[in-house]
Amino acid sequence: MPIEDLARSDAVTASPETPVTDLAATMDEENVGSVVITNDETPVGIVTDRDLTVRVLGEQVDPTDQTAEDVMTTDLYTAEPGDGFYEAANLMADHGIRRLPICEGDTLVGIITADDMTELLADEQQHLGNIIRAQRPEY
């Protein structure tokens, strides 16, 4: 299954100059755990709720003096829309990441998270369970 069928097309984004206090507010308002940092539509980094905790609170820096650029992860891994589910899952596992931006060329077109993938697997397990229940004899 291509990842474009699973990815969310409404990735939350911000510019590198965005204050971290705004990033935190956006995460709260959008009910997400990350914001993809972009220059125009090209992803240049990602800020997660963990980044804010570790790089701002953990370092005891003044959040009003910090921007996305100060705390973002810049070694960004991405997938292409035509990549498969297992290819994306392996990329996430190999690099210890839970959020994978989806790009066509240099343009951000979506994002998929480990939670999204887990939900899909749970749905598939439910379908398999229904098949088994429908075919087994009653007790």
Protein backbone atom coordinates (compact mmCIF):
# COMPACT_ATOMS: atom_id res chain seq x y z
CA MET A 1 0.00 0.00 0.00
CA PRO A 2 1.52 3.35 -0.95
CA ILE A 3 2.17 5.68 1.94
CA GLU A 4 0.18 8.45 0.22
CA ASP A 5 -2.97 6.43 0.96
CA LEU A 6 -2.16 6.54 4.68
CA ALA A 7 -0.46 9.90 5.20
CA ARG A 8 -2.25 12.97 6.42
CA SER A 9 -2.19 15.74 3.84
CA ASP A 10 -2.64 18.45 6.46
CA ALA A 11 0.80 18.49 8.08
CA VAL A 12 1.13 21.38 10.51
CA THR A 13 3.97 23.69 9.47
CA ALA A 14 5.80 26.79 10.62
CA SER A 15 8.80 28.84 9.55
CA PRO A 16 12.23 28.62 11.20
CA GLU A 17 11.65 32.04 12.79
CA THR A 18 8.53 30.94 14.68
CA PRO A 19 8.90 31.39 18.46
CA VAL A 20 8.81 28.12 20.39
CA THR A 21 5.95 29.47 22.49
CA ASP A 22 3.91 29.72 19.27
CA LEU A 23 4.94 26.19 18.30
CA ALA A 24 3.70 24.86 21.64
CA ALA A 25 0.42 26.75 21.28
CA THR A 26 -0.01 25.42 17.73
CA MET A 27 0.61 21.84 18.87
CA ASP A 28 -2.04 22.32 21.54
CA GLU A 29 -4.57 23.94 19.19
CA GLU A 30 -4.04 21.40 16.40
CA ASN A 31 -3.77 18.44 18.80
CA VAL A 32 -0.50 17.26 17.24
CA GLY A 33 2.89 16.31 18.63
CA SER A 34 5.02 17.93 15.95
CA VAL A 35 5.35 20.83 13.58
CA VAL A 36 7.26 20.50 10.32
CA ILE A 37 9.53 23.50 9.82
CA THR A 38 9.53 24.72 6.24
CA ASN A 39 11.10 27.32 4.00
CA ASP A 40 8.24 27.97 1.61
CA GLU A 41 6.97 24.39 1.12
CA THR A 42 10.34 22.68 1.57
CA PRO A 43 10.84 20.94 4.92
CA VAL A 44 14.07 21.92 6.68
CA GLY A 45 13.39 20.43 10.10
CA ILE A 46 10.84 19.24 12.59
CA VAL A 47 10.01 20.26 16.15
CA THR A 48 8.33 17.69 18.36
CA ASP A 49 6.79 18.03 21.78
CA ARG A 50 9.80 16.08 23.05
CA ASP A 51 12.17 18.62 21.45
CA LEU A 52 10.42 21.38 23.36
CA THR A 53 10.67 19.44 26.59
CA VAL A 54 14.31 18.43 26.24
CA ARG A 55 15.78 21.42 24.41
CA VAL A 56 13.88 24.18 26.14
CA LEU A 57 12.65 22.99 29.54
CA GLY A 58 15.46 20.49 30.07
CA GLU A 59 18.13 23.04 29.15
CA GLN A 60 16.33 25.65 31.28
CA VAL A 61 16.47 28.26 28.54
CA ASP A 62 14.03 31.13 28.27
CA PRO A 63 11.39 29.97 25.78
CA THR A 64 10.66 33.55 24.76
CA ASP A 65 14.20 33.76 23.37
CA GLN A 66 13.98 30.54 21.32
CA THR A 67 12.75 29.94 17.79
CA ALA A 68 12.01 26.80 15.82
CA GLU A 69 15.45 27.05 14.25
CA ASP A 70 17.05 26.88 17.72
CA VAL A 71 15.36 23.62 18.72
CA MET A 72 14.40 21.80 15.51
CA THR A 73 15.83 18.50 14.41
CA THR A 74 17.54 19.14 11.09
CA ASP A 75 18.59 15.64 10.05
CA LEU A 76 15.14 15.15 8.59
CA TYR A 77 14.14 11.85 7.03
CA THR A 78 11.31 11.92 4.51
CA ALA A 79 9.39 9.49 2.32
CA GLU A 80 7.86 9.88 -1.11
CA PRO A 81 4.13 9.38 -1.71
CA GLY A 82 4.69 6.18 -3.69
CA ASP A 83 6.83 4.54 -1.01
CA GLY A 84 5.25 1.51 0.63
CA PHE A 85 4.02 1.05 4.18
CA TYR A 86 6.85 -1.31 5.09
CA GLU A 87 9.47 0.91 3.49
CA ALA A 88 8.25 3.85 5.61
CA ALA A 89 8.03 1.67 8.75
CA ASN A 90 11.59 0.42 8.20
CA LEU A 91 12.87 3.96 7.69
CA MET A 92 11.23 5.05 10.93
CA ALA A 93 12.58 2.03 12.82
CA ASP A 94 16.10 2.35 11.39
CA HIS A 95 16.36 5.99 12.46
CA GLY A 96 14.30 5.90 15.66
CA ILE A 97 11.74 8.43 14.46
CA ARG A 98 7.99 8.53 15.03
CA ARG A 99 7.03 11.14 12.46
CA LEU A 100 7.81 10.97 8.77
CA PRO A 101 7.13 13.92 6.47
CA ILE A 102 6.02 12.94 2.96
CA CYS A 103 7.52 14.94 0.09
CA GLU A 104 7.14 15.11 -3.66
CA GLY A 105 10.58 16.26 -4.64
CA ASP A 106 11.32 19.10 -2.21
CA THR A 107 7.65 19.90 -1.52
CA LEU A 108 5.93 18.74 1.68
CA VAL A 109 2.67 16.98 0.83
CA GLY A 110 1.85 15.21 4.08
CA ILE A 111 3.04 13.39 7.17
CA ILE A 112 2.60 9.96 8.69
CA THR A 113 3.22 9.08 12.31
CA ALA A 114 3.89 5.87 14.18
CA ASP A 115 0.45 6.35 15.78
CA ASP A 116 -1.17 6.46 12.31
CA MET A 117 0.60 3.26 11.33
CA THR A 118 -0.34 1.53 14.59
CA GLU A 119 -3.97 2.50 14.07
CA LEU A 120 -3.91 1.05 10.56
CA LEU A 121 -2.43 -2.21 11.84
CA ALA A 122 -5.07 -2.40 14.56
CA ASP A 123 -7.81 -1.91 11.96
CA GLU A 124 -6.30 -4.67 9.82
CA GLN A 125 -6.15 -6.99 12.84
CA GLN A 126 -9.82 -6.24 13.52
CA HIS A 127 -10.72 -7.18 9.93
CA LEU A 128 -8.78 -10.43 10.23
CA GLY A 129 -10.56 -11.17 13.49
CA ASN A 130 -13.91 -10.63 11.80
CA ILE A 131 -12.97 -13.07 9.03
CA ILE A 132 -11.94 -15.72 11.54
CA ARG A 133 -15.11 -15.25 13.61
CA ALA A 134 -17.29 -15.50 10.48
CA GLN A 135 -15.69 -18.77 9.38
CA ARG A 136 -15.40 -20.69 12.63
CA PRO A 137 -18.11 -22.97 13.91
CA GLU A 138 -20.26 -21.75 16.77
CA TYR A 139 -19.54 -23.21 20.17
